[in-house]
């Protein structure tokens, strides 16, 4: 599985590669149906409070099991392919995401996409 976590006192960053989707179970039954196309289009999503009616109930249930209250999701694109997601979670309380935080995650996701592309070229 291609995933990594870095924990800070109130944030958790997580990336899961969608390339290996058939071999891993994310455990989110509504993700594929409701969110994949959104991220394939390069959109980011900042949710200040998961309980404020923006997400589908099945997604809220998954996040609530991990005590996530807010999340910021940025796609990792390799050219036009959705390779994965870079996600920042705020656990325990809602959070208003600042533009600087969203910009930082977008820049990191762009660099990850470039690094992944280079690594794949190098491995050939």
PDB file of N, CA and C in Angstrom:
ATOM      1  N   UNK A   1       0.841  -1.170   0.000  1.00  0.00           N
ATOM      2  CA  UNK A   1       0.000   0.000   0.000  1.00  0.00           C
ATOM      3  C   UNK A   1       0.886   1.232   0.000  1.00  0.00           C
ATOM      4  N   UNK A   2       0.535   2.193  -0.791  1.00  0.00           N
ATOM      5  CA  UNK A   2       1.302   3.420  -0.883  1.00  0.00           C
ATOM      6  C   UNK A   2       0.643   4.492  -0.025  1.00  0.00           C
ATOM      7  N   UNK A   3       1.031   4.562   1.244  1.00  0.00           N
ATOM      8  CA  UNK A   3       0.422   5.558   2.137  1.00  0.00           C
ATOM      9  C   UNK A   3       1.466   6.023   3.133  1.00  0.00           C
ATOM     10  N   UNK A   4       1.304   7.244   3.605  1.00  0.00           N
ATOM     11  CA  UNK A   4       2.177   7.733   4.649  1.00  0.00           C
ATOM     12  C   UNK A   4       1.382   8.635   5.565  1.00  0.00           C
ATOM     13  N   UNK A   5       1.800   8.701   6.817  1.00  0.00           N
ATOM     14  CA  UNK A   5       1.149   9.566   7.786  1.00  0.00           C
ATOM     15  C   UNK A   5       2.222  10.346   8.529  1.00  0.00           C
ATOM     16  N   UNK A   6       1.931  11.598   8.799  1.00  0.00           N
ATOM     17  CA  UNK A   6       2.778  12.422   9.646  1.00  0.00           C
ATOM     18  C   UNK A   6       1.850  13.056  10.657  1.00  0.00           C
ATOM     19  N   UNK A   7       2.092  12.840  11.927  1.00  0.00           N
ATOM     20  CA  UNK A   7       1.199  13.359  12.956  1.00  0.00           C
ATOM     21  C   UNK A   7       1.789  14.607  13.603  1.00  0.00           C
ATOM     22  N   UNK A   8       0.942  15.593  13.758  1.00  0.00           N
ATOM     23  CA  UNK A   8       1.232  16.804  14.509  1.00  0.00           C
ATOM     24  C   UNK A   8       0.217  16.850  15.637  1.00  0.00           C
ATOM     25  N   UNK A   9       0.354  17.732  16.604  1.00  0.00           N
ATOM     26  CA  UNK A   9      -0.605  17.737  17.715  1.00  0.00           C
ATOM     27  C   UNK A   9      -2.073  17.787  17.279  1.00  0.00           C
ATOM     28  N   UNK A  10      -2.403  18.531  16.246  1.00  0.00           N
ATOM     29  CA  UNK A  10      -3.812  18.629  15.882  1.00  0.00           C
ATOM     30  C   UNK A  10      -4.106  18.292  14.430  1.00  0.00           C
ATOM     31  N   UNK A  11      -3.106  17.953  13.660  1.00  0.00           N
ATOM     32  CA  UNK A  11      -3.310  17.657  12.247  1.00  0.00           C
ATOM     33  C   UNK A  11      -2.754  16.285  11.901  1.00  0.00           C
ATOM     34  N   UNK A  12      -3.357  15.649  10.920  1.00  0.00           N
ATOM     35  CA  UNK A  12      -2.811  14.409  10.398  1.00  0.00           C
ATOM     36  C   UNK A  12      -2.814  14.513   8.883  1.00  0.00           C
ATOM     37  N   UNK A  13      -1.684  14.293   8.258  1.00  0.00           N
ATOM     38  CA  UNK A  13      -1.578  14.298   6.808  1.00  0.00           C
ATOM     39  C   UNK A  13      -1.584  12.850   6.349  1.00  0.00           C
ATOM     40  N   UNK A  14      -2.364  12.566   5.332  1.00  0.00           N
ATOM     41  CA  UNK A  14      -2.481  11.199   4.845  1.00  0.00           C
ATOM     42  C   UNK A  14      -2.619  11.203   3.338  1.00  0.00           C
ATOM     43  N   UNK A  15      -1.879  10.345   2.703  1.00  0.00           N
ATOM     44  CA  UNK A  15      -2.021  10.181   1.259  1.00  0.00           C
ATOM     45  C   UNK A  15      -2.169   8.703   0.967  1.00  0.00           C
ATOM     46  N   UNK A  16      -3.165   8.357   0.179  1.00  0.00           N
ATOM     47  CA  UNK A  16      -3.356   6.972  -0.236  1.00  0.00           C
ATOM     48  C   UNK A  16      -3.407   6.954  -1.754  1.00  0.00           C
ATOM     49  N   UNK A  17      -2.594   6.135  -2.339  1.00  0.00           N
ATOM     50  CA  UNK A  17      -2.557   6.048  -3.795  1.00  0.00           C
ATOM     51  C   UNK A  17      -3.804   5.356  -4.318  1.00  0.00           C
ATOM     52  N   UNK A  18      -4.458   5.975  -5.291  1.00  0.00           N
ATOM     53  CA  UNK A  18      -5.611   5.364  -5.933  1.00  0.00           C
ATOM     54  C   UNK A  18      -5.201   4.369  -7.007  1.00  0.00           C
ATOM     55  N   UNK A  19      -3.933   4.371  -7.377  1.00  0.00           N
ATOM     56  CA  UNK A  19      -3.451   3.435  -8.394  1.00  0.00           C
ATOM     57  C   UNK A  19      -3.631   2.001  -7.959  1.00  0.00           C
ATOM     58  N   UNK A  20      -3.534   1.747  -6.682  1.00  0.00           N
ATOM     59  CA  UNK A  20      -3.606   0.397  -6.161  1.00  0.00           C
ATOM     60  C   UNK A  20      -4.963   0.157  -5.520  1.00  0.00           C
ATOM     61  N   UNK A  21      -5.952   0.859  -6.003  1.00  0.00           N
ATOM     62  CA  UNK A  21      -7.280   0.825  -5.419  1.00  0.00           C
ATOM     63  C   UNK A  21      -7.839  -0.591  -5.346  1.00  0.00           C
ATOM     64  N   UNK A  22      -7.553  -1.426  -6.317  1.00  0.00           N
ATOM     65  CA  UNK A  22      -8.072  -2.784  -6.294  1.00  0.00           C
ATOM     66  C   UNK A  22      -7.448  -3.619  -5.191  1.00  0.00           C
ATOM     67  N   UNK A  23      -6.269  -3.249  -4.712  1.00  0.00           N
ATOM     68  CA  UNK A  23      -5.588  -4.073  -3.718  1.00  0.00           C
ATOM     69  C   UNK A  23      -5.694  -3.518  -2.304  1.00  0.00           C
ATOM     70  N   UNK A  24      -6.258  -2.324  -2.132  1.00  0.00           N
ATOM     71  CA  UNK A  24      -6.428  -1.788  -0.787  1.00  0.00           C
ATOM     72  C   UNK A  24      -7.881  -1.400  -0.570  1.00  0.00           C
ATOM     73  N   UNK A  25      -8.281  -1.417   0.665  1.00  0.00           N
ATOM     74  CA  UNK A  25      -9.630  -1.015   1.003  1.00  0.00           C
ATOM     75  C   UNK A  25      -9.561   0.242   1.847  1.00  0.00           C
ATOM     76  N   UNK A  26     -10.061   1.347   1.303  1.00  0.00           N
ATOM     77  CA  UNK A  26     -10.069   2.595   2.031  1.00  0.00           C
ATOM     78  C   UNK A  26     -11.161   2.559   3.091  1.00  0.00           C
ATOM     79  N   UNK A  27     -12.179   1.770   2.885  1.00  0.00           N
ATOM     80  CA  UNK A  27     -13.256   1.654   3.849  1.00  0.00           C
ATOM     81  C   UNK A  27     -14.270   2.790   3.744  1.00  0.00           C
ATOM     82  N   UNK A  28     -14.296   3.490   2.627  1.00  0.00           N
ATOM     83  CA  UNK A  28     -15.234   4.579   2.415  1.00  0.00           C
ATOM     84  C   UNK A  28     -16.137   4.187   1.252  1.00  0.00           C
ATOM     85  N   UNK A  29     -17.315   3.647   1.529  1.00  0.00           N
ATOM     86  CA  UNK A  29     -18.160   3.111   0.464  1.00  0.00           C
ATOM     87  C   UNK A  29     -18.672   4.154  -0.521  1.00  0.00           C
ATOM     88  N   UNK A  30     -18.677   5.415  -0.160  1.00  0.00           N
ATOM     89  CA  UNK A  30     -19.228   6.418  -1.068  1.00  0.00           C
ATOM     90  C   UNK A  30     -18.155   7.212  -1.805  1.00  0.00           C
ATOM     91  N   UNK A  31     -16.882   6.992  -1.507  1.00  0.00           N
ATOM     92  CA  UNK A  31     -15.829   7.791  -2.131  1.00  0.00           C
ATOM     93  C   UNK A  31     -15.821   7.650  -3.642  1.00  0.00           C
ATOM     94  N   UNK A  32     -15.760   6.440  -4.132  1.00  0.00           N
ATOM     95  CA  UNK A  32     -15.662   6.201  -5.573  1.00  0.00           C
ATOM     96  C   UNK A  32     -16.837   6.816  -6.309  1.00  0.00           C
ATOM     97  N   UNK A  33     -18.014   6.636  -5.801  1.00  0.00           N
ATOM     98  CA  UNK A  33     -19.205   7.114  -6.500  1.00  0.00           C
ATOM     99  C   UNK A  33     -19.358   8.630  -6.467  1.00  0.00           C
ATOM    100  N   UNK A  34     -18.958   9.256  -5.368  1.00  0.00           N
ATOM    101  CA  UNK A  34     -19.300  10.653  -5.186  1.00  0.00           C
ATOM    102  C   UNK A  34     -18.146  11.640  -5.290  1.00  0.00           C
ATOM    103  N   UNK A  35     -16.906  11.211  -5.113  1.00  0.00           N
ATOM    104  CA  UNK A  35     -15.831  12.187  -4.988  1.00  0.00           C
ATOM    105  C   UNK A  35     -14.691  12.053  -5.997  1.00  0.00           C
ATOM    106  N   UNK A  36     -14.475  10.898  -6.578  1.00  0.00           N
ATOM    107  CA  UNK A  36     -13.309  10.693  -7.444  1.00  0.00           C
ATOM    108  C   UNK A  36     -13.283  11.672  -8.608  1.00  0.00           C
ATOM    109  N   UNK A  37     -14.384  11.843  -9.316  1.00  0.00           N
ATOM    110  CA  UNK A  37     -14.390  12.734 -10.476  1.00  0.00           C
ATOM    111  C   UNK A  37     -14.075  14.172 -10.066  1.00  0.00           C
ATOM    112  N   UNK A  38     -14.573  14.578  -8.924  1.00  0.00           N
ATOM    113  CA  UNK A  38     -14.311  15.920  -8.396  1.00  0.00           C
ATOM    114  C   UNK A  38     -12.807  16.179  -8.291  1.00  0.00           C
ATOM    115  N   UNK A  39     -12.082  15.201  -7.727  1.00  0.00           N
ATOM    116  CA  UNK A  39     -10.635  15.362  -7.556  1.00  0.00           C
ATOM    117  C   UNK A  39      -9.873  15.145  -8.863  1.00  0.00           C
ATOM    118  N   UNK A  40     -10.380  14.315  -9.759  1.00  0.00           N
ATOM    119  CA  UNK A  40      -9.740  14.150 -11.070  1.00  0.00           C
ATOM    120  C   UNK A  40      -9.693  15.468 -11.826  1.00  0.00           C
ATOM    121  N   UNK A  41     -10.647  16.325 -11.554  1.00  0.00           N
ATOM    122  CA  UNK A  41     -10.700  17.629 -12.204  1.00  0.00           C
ATOM    123  C   UNK A  41      -9.777  18.647 -11.541  1.00  0.00           C
ATOM    124  N   UNK A  42      -9.019  18.206 -10.531  1.00  0.00           N
ATOM    125  CA  UNK A  42      -8.034  19.066  -9.892  1.00  0.00           C
ATOM    126  C   UNK A  42      -8.580  19.960  -8.800  1.00  0.00           C
ATOM    127  N   UNK A  43      -9.786  19.718  -8.384  1.00  0.00           N
ATOM    128  CA  UNK A  43     -10.403  20.556  -7.360  1.00  0.00           C
ATOM    129  C   UNK A  43      -9.920  20.180  -5.969  1.00  0.00           C
ATOM    130  N   UNK A  44      -9.853  21.172  -5.118  1.00  0.00           N
ATOM    131  CA  UNK A  44      -9.549  20.925  -3.705  1.00  0.00           C
ATOM    132  C   UNK A  44     -10.827  21.136  -2.909  1.00  0.00           C
ATOM    133  N   UNK A  45     -10.843  20.581  -1.716  1.00  0.00           N
ATOM    134  CA  UNK A  45     -12.021  20.717  -0.862  1.00  0.00           C
ATOM    135  C   UNK A  45     -11.563  21.020   0.550  1.00  0.00           C
ATOM    136  N   UNK A  46     -12.079  22.126   1.086  1.00  0.00           N
ATOM    137  CA  UNK A  46     -11.812  22.518   2.470  1.00  0.00           C
ATOM    138  C   UNK A  46     -13.128  22.463   3.225  1.00  0.00           C
ATOM    139  N   UNK A  47     -13.200  21.597   4.204  1.00  0.00           N
ATOM    140  CA  UNK A  47     -14.413  21.435   4.994  1.00  0.00           C
ATOM    141  C   UNK A  47     -14.089  21.817   6.433  1.00  0.00           C
ATOM    142  N   UNK A  48     -14.734  22.873   6.907  1.00  0.00           N
ATOM    143  CA  UNK A  48     -14.478  23.384   8.255  1.00  0.00           C
ATOM    144  C   UNK A  48     -15.072  22.496   9.342  1.00  0.00           C
ATOM    145  N   UNK A  49     -16.208  21.865   9.054  1.00  0.00           N
ATOM    146  CA  UNK A  49     -16.862  20.986  10.031  1.00  0.00           C
ATOM    147  C   UNK A  49     -17.631  19.924   9.257  1.00  0.00           C
ATOM    148  N   UNK A  50     -17.252  18.682   9.427  1.00  0.00           N
ATOM    149  CA  UNK A  50     -17.867  17.602   8.657  1.00  0.00           C
ATOM    150  C   UNK A  50     -19.346  17.442   8.970  1.00  0.00           C
ATOM    151  N   UNK A  51     -19.791  17.949  10.107  1.00  0.00           N
ATOM    152  CA  UNK A  51     -21.186  17.783  10.513  1.00  0.00           C
ATOM    153  C   UNK A  51     -22.098  18.900  10.014  1.00  0.00           C
ATOM    154  N   UNK A  52     -21.623  19.760   9.143  1.00  0.00           N
ATOM    155  CA  UNK A  52     -22.421  20.887   8.656  1.00  0.00           C
ATOM    156  C   UNK A  52     -23.116  20.606   7.329  1.00  0.00           C
ATOM    157  N   UNK A  53     -23.347  19.346   6.986  1.00  0.00           N
ATOM    158  CA  UNK A  53     -24.183  19.000   5.855  1.00  0.00           C
ATOM    159  C   UNK A  53     -23.547  19.033   4.480  1.00  0.00           C
ATOM    160  N   UNK A  54     -22.233  19.161   4.378  1.00  0.00           N
ATOM    161  CA  UNK A  54     -21.566  19.217   3.077  1.00  0.00           C
ATOM    162  C   UNK A  54     -21.296  17.817   2.527  1.00  0.00           C
ATOM    163  N   UNK A  55     -20.991  16.885   3.378  1.00  0.00           N
ATOM    164  CA  UNK A  55     -20.602  15.535   2.967  1.00  0.00           C
ATOM    165  C   UNK A  55     -21.768  14.557   3.036  1.00  0.00           C
ATOM    166  N   UNK A  56     -21.633  13.467   2.291  1.00  0.00           N
ATOM    167  CA  UNK A  56     -22.609  12.381   2.349  1.00  0.00           C
ATOM    168  C   UNK A  56     -22.526  11.698   3.713  1.00  0.00           C
ATOM    169  N   UNK A  57     -23.643  11.199   4.213  1.00  0.00           N
ATOM    170  CA  UNK A  57     -23.639  10.535   5.524  1.00  0.00           C
ATOM    171  C   UNK A  57     -22.617   9.400   5.641  1.00  0.00           C
ATOM    172  N   UNK A  58     -22.424   8.629   4.562  1.00  0.00           N
ATOM    173  CA  UNK A  58     -21.466   7.522   4.640  1.00  0.00           C
ATOM    174  C   UNK A  58     -20.040   8.038   4.833  1.00  0.00           C
ATOM    175  N   UNK A  59     -19.713   9.187   4.263  1.00  0.00           N
ATOM    176  CA  UNK A  59     -18.373   9.761   4.422  1.00  0.00           C
ATOM    177  C   UNK A  59     -18.216  10.371   5.816  1.00  0.00           C
ATOM    178  N   UNK A  60     -19.258  11.011   6.299  1.00  0.00           N
ATOM    179  CA  UNK A  60     -19.221  11.563   7.661  1.00  0.00           C
ATOM    180  C   UNK A  60     -18.990  10.451   8.669  1.00  0.00           C
ATOM    181  N   UNK A  61     -19.679   9.321   8.494  1.00  0.00           N
ATOM    182  CA  UNK A  61     -19.514   8.185   9.413  1.00  0.00           C
ATOM    183  C   UNK A  61     -18.067   7.700   9.444  1.00  0.00           C
ATOM    184  N   UNK A  62     -17.440   7.601   8.275  1.00  0.00           N
ATOM    185  CA  UNK A  62     -16.045   7.158   8.216  1.00  0.00           C
ATOM    186  C   UNK A  62     -15.138   8.138   8.949  1.00  0.00           C
ATOM    187  N   UNK A  63     -15.258   9.422   8.648  1.00  0.00           N
ATOM    188  CA  UNK A  63     -14.395  10.422   9.279  1.00  0.00           C
ATOM    189  C   UNK A  63     -14.634  10.508  10.785  1.00  0.00           C
ATOM    190  N   UNK A  64     -15.878  10.410  11.194  1.00  0.00           N
ATOM    191  CA  UNK A  64     -16.200  10.499  12.619  1.00  0.00           C
ATOM    192  C   UNK A  64     -15.581   9.348  13.409  1.00  0.00           C
ATOM    193  N   UNK A  65     -15.441   8.177  12.793  1.00  0.00           N
ATOM    194  CA  UNK A  65     -14.788   7.049  13.485  1.00  0.00           C
ATOM    195  C   UNK A  65     -13.353   7.371  13.873  1.00  0.00           C
ATOM    196  N   UNK A  66     -12.717   8.269  13.118  1.00  0.00           N
ATOM    197  CA  UNK A  66     -11.344   8.672  13.401  1.00  0.00           C
ATOM    198  C   UNK A  66     -11.279  10.029  14.104  1.00  0.00           C
ATOM    199  N   UNK A  67     -12.430  10.493  14.582  1.00  0.00           N
ATOM    200  CA  UNK A  67     -12.555  11.752  15.312  1.00  0.00           C
ATOM    201  C   UNK A  67     -12.159  12.970  14.485  1.00  0.00           C
ATOM    202  N   UNK A  68     -12.295  12.870  13.166  1.00  0.00           N
ATOM    203  CA  UNK A  68     -12.011  13.992  12.277  1.00  0.00           C
ATOM    204  C   UNK A  68     -13.185  14.954  12.336  1.00  0.00           C
ATOM    205  N   UNK A  69     -12.899  16.229  12.499  1.00  0.00           N
ATOM    206  CA  UNK A  69     -13.958  17.247  12.500  1.00  0.00           C
ATOM    207  C   UNK A  69     -13.858  18.166  11.288  1.00  0.00           C
ATOM    208  N   UNK A  70     -12.665  18.332  10.744  1.00  0.00           N
ATOM    209  CA  UNK A  70     -12.478  19.185   9.569  1.00  0.00           C
ATOM    210  C   UNK A  70     -11.405  18.552   8.700  1.00  0.00           C
ATOM    211  N   UNK A  71     -11.526  18.762   7.381  1.00  0.00           N
ATOM    212  CA  UNK A  71     -10.446  18.255   6.538  1.00  0.00           C
ATOM    213  C   UNK A  71     -10.241  19.127   5.315  1.00  0.00           C
ATOM    214  N   UNK A  72      -9.030  19.050   4.820  1.00  0.00           N
ATOM    215  CA  UNK A  72      -8.594  19.768   3.634  1.00  0.00           C
ATOM    216  C   UNK A  72      -8.026  18.714   2.697  1.00  0.00           C
ATOM    217  N   UNK A  73      -8.591  18.606   1.501  1.00  0.00           N
ATOM    218  CA  UNK A  73      -8.222  17.541   0.567  1.00  0.00           C
ATOM    219  C   UNK A  73      -7.729  18.159  -0.738  1.00  0.00           C
ATOM    220  N   UNK A  74      -6.536  17.742  -1.151  1.00  0.00           N
ATOM    221  CA  UNK A  74      -5.918  18.239  -2.370  1.00  0.00           C
ATOM    222  C   UNK A  74      -5.517  17.033  -3.219  1.00  0.00           C
ATOM    223  N   UNK A  75      -5.887  17.024  -4.497  1.00  0.00           N
ATOM    224  CA  UNK A  75      -5.507  15.885  -5.346  1.00  0.00           C
ATOM    225  C   UNK A  75      -4.021  15.906  -5.699  1.00  0.00           C
ATOM    226  N   UNK A  76      -3.464  14.717  -5.808  1.00  0.00           N
ATOM    227  CA  UNK A  76      -2.114  14.546  -6.324  1.00  0.00           C
ATOM    228  C   UNK A  76      -2.287  14.033  -7.748  1.00  0.00           C
ATOM    229  N   UNK A  77      -1.989  14.903  -8.699  1.00  0.00           N
ATOM    230  CA  UNK A  77      -2.178  14.570 -10.102  1.00  0.00           C
ATOM    231  C   UNK A  77      -0.837  14.314 -10.772  1.00  0.00           C
ATOM    232  N   UNK A  78      -0.813  13.302 -11.595  1.00  0.00           N
ATOM    233  CA  UNK A  78       0.357  13.034 -12.426  1.00  0.00           C
ATOM    234  C   UNK A  78      -0.124  13.194 -13.858  1.00  0.00           C
ATOM    235  N   UNK A  79       0.165  14.363 -14.400  1.00  0.00           N
ATOM    236  CA  UNK A  79      -0.415  14.797 -15.674  1.00  0.00           C
ATOM    237  C   UNK A  79      -1.932  14.854 -15.491  1.00  0.00           C
ATOM    238  N   UNK A  80      -2.705  14.099 -16.247  1.00  0.00           N
ATOM    239  CA  UNK A  80      -4.164  14.119 -16.100  1.00  0.00           C
ATOM    240  C   UNK A  80      -4.687  12.982 -15.226  1.00  0.00           C
ATOM    241  N   UNK A  81      -3.801  12.222 -14.607  1.00  0.00           N
ATOM    242  CA  UNK A  81      -4.196  11.066 -13.820  1.00  0.00           C
ATOM    243  C   UNK A  81      -4.245  11.415 -12.336  1.00  0.00           C
ATOM    244  N   UNK A  82      -5.352  11.042 -11.685  1.00  0.00           N
ATOM    245  CA  UNK A  82      -5.447  11.198 -10.235  1.00  0.00           C
ATOM    246  C   UNK A  82      -4.651  10.074  -9.601  1.00  0.00           C
ATOM    247  N   UNK A  83      -3.539  10.419  -8.972  1.00  0.00           N
ATOM    248  CA  UNK A  83      -2.653   9.427  -8.379  1.00  0.00           C
ATOM    249  C   UNK A  83      -3.020   9.166  -6.925  1.00  0.00           C
ATOM    250  N   UNK A  84      -3.509  10.186  -6.240  1.00  0.00           N
ATOM    251  CA  UNK A  84      -3.862  10.041  -4.835  1.00  0.00           C
ATOM    252  C   UNK A  84      -4.351  11.364  -4.282  1.00  0.00           C
ATOM    253  N   UNK A  85      -4.462  11.425  -2.974  1.00  0.00           N
ATOM    254  CA  UNK A  85      -4.940  12.621  -2.285  1.00  0.00           C
ATOM    255  C   UNK A  85      -4.005  12.976  -1.147  1.00  0.00           C
ATOM    256  N   UNK A  86      -3.785  14.254  -0.964  1.00  0.00           N
ATOM    257  CA  UNK A  86      -3.052  14.749   0.197  1.00  0.00           C
ATOM    258  C   UNK A  86      -4.117  15.374   1.093  1.00  0.00           C
ATOM    259  N   UNK A  87      -4.235  14.862   2.311  1.00  0.00           N
ATOM    260  CA  UNK A  87      -5.327  15.257   3.188  1.00  0.00           C
ATOM    261  C   UNK A  87      -4.782  15.734   4.527  1.00  0.00           C
ATOM    262  N   UNK A  88      -5.277  16.878   4.970  1.00  0.00           N
ATOM    263  CA  UNK A  88      -4.989  17.373   6.321  1.00  0.00           C
ATOM    264  C   UNK A  88      -6.280  17.260   7.115  1.00  0.00           C
ATOM    265  N   UNK A  89      -6.211  16.617   8.261  1.00  0.00           N
ATOM    266  CA  UNK A  89      -7.371  16.473   9.133  1.00  0.00           C
ATOM    267  C   UNK A  89      -7.186  17.293  10.397  1.00  0.00           C
ATOM    268  N   UNK A  90      -8.240  17.916  10.854  1.00  0.00           N
ATOM    269  CA  UNK A  90      -8.285  18.522  12.187  1.00  0.00           C
ATOM    270  C   UNK A  90      -9.167  17.610  13.020  1.00  0.00           C
ATOM    271  N   UNK A  91      -8.617  17.056  14.058  1.00  0.00           N
ATOM    272  CA  UNK A  91      -9.365  16.151  14.912  1.00  0.00           C
ATOM    273  C   UNK A  91      -9.829  16.876  16.170  1.00  0.00           C
ATOM    274  N   UNK A  92     -11.006  16.504  16.642  1.00  0.00           N
ATOM    275  CA  UNK A  92     -11.485  17.001  17.921  1.00  0.00           C
ATOM    276  C   UNK A  92     -12.330  18.259  17.866  1.00  0.00           C
ATOM    277  N   UNK A  93     -12.127  19.119  16.890  1.00  0.00           N
ATOM    278  CA  UNK A  93     -12.911  20.356  16.813  1.00  0.00           C
ATOM    279  C   UNK A  93     -12.911  20.877  15.384  1.00  0.00           C
ATOM    280  N   UNK A  94     -13.907  21.690  15.030  1.00  0.00           N
ATOM    281  CA  UNK A  94     -13.926  22.289  13.689  1.00  0.00           C
ATOM    282  C   UNK A  94     -12.720  23.208  13.489  1.00  0.00           C
ATOM    283  N   UNK A  95     -12.448  23.512  12.224  1.00  0.00           N
ATOM    284  CA  UNK A  95     -11.309  24.372  11.905  1.00  0.00           C
ATOM    285  C   UNK A  95     -11.627  25.146  10.630  1.00  0.00           C
ATOM    286  N   UNK A  96     -11.379  26.424  10.647  1.00  0.00           N
ATOM    287  CA  UNK A  96     -11.494  27.216   9.422  1.00  0.00           C
ATOM    288  C   UNK A  96     -10.131  27.189   8.737  1.00  0.00           C
ATOM    289  N   UNK A  97     -10.083  26.621   7.536  1.00  0.00           N
ATOM    290  CA  UNK A  97      -8.827  26.497   6.802  1.00  0.00           C
ATOM    291  C   UNK A  97      -8.444  27.841   6.201  1.00  0.00           C
ATOM    292  N   UNK A  98      -7.224  28.245   6.410  1.00  0.00           N
ATOM    293  CA  UNK A  98      -6.708  29.514   5.902  1.00  0.00           C
ATOM    294  C   UNK A  98      -6.197  29.331   4.473  1.00  0.00           C
ATOM    295  N   UNK A  99      -6.210  30.409   3.700  1.00  0.00           N
ATOM    296  CA  UNK A  99      -5.714  30.363   2.326  1.00  0.00           C
ATOM    297  C   UNK A  99      -4.265  29.901   2.266  1.00  0.00           C
ATOM    298  N   UNK A 100      -3.466  30.313   3.236  1.00  0.00           N
ATOM    299  CA  UNK A 100      -2.051  29.916   3.244  1.00  0.00           C
ATOM    300  C   UNK A 100      -1.912  28.408   3.431  1.00  0.00           C
ATOM    301  N   UNK A 101      -2.782  27.791   4.239  1.00  0.00           N
ATOM    302  CA  UNK A 101      -2.748  26.336   4.435  1.00  0.00           C
ATOM    303  C   UNK A 101      -3.157  25.616   3.157  1.00  0.00           C
ATOM    304  N   UNK A 102      -4.200  26.127   2.510  1.00  0.00           N
ATOM    305  CA  UNK A 102      -4.649  25.516   1.258  1.00  0.00           C
ATOM    306  C   UNK A 102      -3.578  25.643   0.183  1.00  0.00           C
ATOM    307  N   UNK A 103      -2.946  26.812   0.091  1.00  0.00           N
ATOM    308  CA  UNK A 103      -1.877  27.017  -0.881  1.00  0.00           C
ATOM    309  C   UNK A 103      -0.693  26.106  -0.635  1.00  0.00           C
ATOM    310  N   UNK A 104      -0.334  25.935   0.636  1.00  0.00           N
ATOM    311  CA  UNK A 104       0.789  25.057   0.982  1.00  0.00           C
ATOM    312  C   UNK A 104       0.505  23.619   0.559  1.00  0.00           C
ATOM    313  N   UNK A 105      -0.680  23.100   0.889  1.00  0.00           N
ATOM    314  CA  UNK A 105      -0.994  21.730   0.505  1.00  0.00           C
ATOM    315  C   UNK A 105      -1.039  21.572  -1.010  1.00  0.00           C
ATOM    316  N   UNK A 106      -1.541  22.577  -1.723  1.00  0.00           N
ATOM    317  CA  UNK A 106      -1.554  22.505  -3.188  1.00  0.00           C
ATOM    318  C   UNK A 106      -0.134  22.434  -3.746  1.00  0.00           C
ATOM    319  N   UNK A 107       0.750  23.259  -3.201  1.00  0.00           N
ATOM    320  CA  UNK A 107       2.145  23.246  -3.688  1.00  0.00           C
ATOM    321  C   UNK A 107       2.825  21.912  -3.373  1.00  0.00           C
ATOM    322  N   UNK A 108       2.562  21.375  -2.192  1.00  0.00           N
ATOM    323  CA  UNK A 108       3.134  20.067  -1.841  1.00  0.00           C
ATOM    324  C   UNK A 108       2.607  18.991  -2.779  1.00  0.00           C
ATOM    325  N   UNK A 109       1.303  19.016  -3.068  1.00  0.00           N
ATOM    326  CA  UNK A 109       0.701  18.017  -3.958  1.00  0.00           C
ATOM    327  C   UNK A 109       1.298  18.111  -5.365  1.00  0.00           C
ATOM    328  N   UNK A 110       1.523  19.315  -5.849  1.00  0.00           N
ATOM    329  CA  UNK A 110       2.145  19.489  -7.169  1.00  0.00           C
ATOM    330  C   UNK A 110       3.538  18.875  -7.172  1.00  0.00           C
ATOM    331  N   UNK A 111       4.325  19.151  -6.134  1.00  0.00           N
ATOM    332  CA  UNK A 111       5.679  18.600  -6.053  1.00  0.00           C
ATOM    333  C   UNK A 111       5.657  17.078  -5.936  1.00  0.00           C
ATOM    334  N   UNK A 112       4.683  16.536  -5.203  1.00  0.00           N
ATOM    335  CA  UNK A 112       4.551  15.081  -5.108  1.00  0.00           C
ATOM    336  C   UNK A 112       4.248  14.479  -6.480  1.00  0.00           C
ATOM    337  N   UNK A 113       3.359  15.107  -7.234  1.00  0.00           N
ATOM    338  CA  UNK A 113       3.052  14.625  -8.584  1.00  0.00           C
ATOM    339  C   UNK A 113       4.272  14.613  -9.474  1.00  0.00           C
ATOM    340  N   UNK A 114       5.077  15.663  -9.390  1.00  0.00           N
ATOM    341  CA  UNK A 114       6.312  15.730 -10.172  1.00  0.00           C
ATOM    342  C   UNK A 114       7.290  14.644  -9.730  1.00  0.00           C
ATOM    343  N   UNK A 115       7.434  14.478  -8.424  1.00  0.00           N
ATOM    344  CA  UNK A 115       8.357  13.465  -7.903  1.00  0.00           C
ATOM    345  C   UNK A 115       7.921  12.058  -8.295  1.00  0.00           C
ATOM    346  N   UNK A 116       6.644  11.787  -8.247  1.00  0.00           N
ATOM    347  CA  UNK A 116       6.122  10.473  -8.631  1.00  0.00           C
ATOM    348  C   UNK A 116       6.399  10.216 -10.114  1.00  0.00           C
ATOM    349  N   UNK A 117       6.147  11.221 -10.935  1.00  0.00           N
ATOM    350  CA  UNK A 117       6.404  11.063 -12.367  1.00  0.00           C
ATOM    351  C   UNK A 117       7.884  10.778 -12.634  1.00  0.00           C
ATOM    352  N   UNK A 118       8.747  11.514 -11.970  1.00  0.00           N
ATOM    353  CA  UNK A 118      10.189  11.301 -12.152  1.00  0.00           C
ATOM    354  C   UNK A 118      10.615   9.924 -11.656  1.00  0.00           C
ATOM    355  N   UNK A 119      10.069   9.495 -10.537  1.00  0.00           N
ATOM    356  CA  UNK A 119      10.407   8.174  -9.999  1.00  0.00           C
ATOM    357  C   UNK A 119       9.969   7.077 -10.952  1.00  0.00           C
ATOM    358  N   UNK A 120       8.788   7.233 -11.536  1.00  0.00           N
ATOM    359  CA  UNK A 120       8.319   6.228 -12.492  1.00  0.00           C
ATOM    360  C   UNK A 120       9.179   6.216 -13.758  1.00  0.00           C
ATOM    361  N   UNK A 121       9.592   7.380 -14.221  1.00  0.00           N
ATOM    362  CA  UNK A 121      10.475   7.436 -15.377  1.00  0.00           C
ATOM    363  C   UNK A 121      11.824   6.804 -15.064  1.00  0.00           C
ATOM    364  N   UNK A 122      12.326   7.067 -13.864  1.00  0.00           N
ATOM    365  CA  UNK A 122      13.620   6.520 -13.445  1.00  0.00           C
ATOM    366  C   UNK A 122      13.558   4.998 -13.349  1.00  0.00           C
ATOM    367  N   UNK A 123      12.428   4.469 -12.880  1.00  0.00           N
ATOM    368  CA  UNK A 123      12.312   3.012 -12.706  1.00  0.00           C
ATOM    369  C   UNK A 123      12.208   2.277 -14.031  1.00  0.00           C
ATOM    370  N   UNK A 124      11.922   2.986 -15.119  1.00  0.00           N
ATOM    371  CA  UNK A 124      11.828   2.338 -16.440  1.00  0.00           C
ATOM    372  C   UNK A 124      13.170   2.243 -17.011  1.00  0.00           C
TER     373      UNK A 124
END
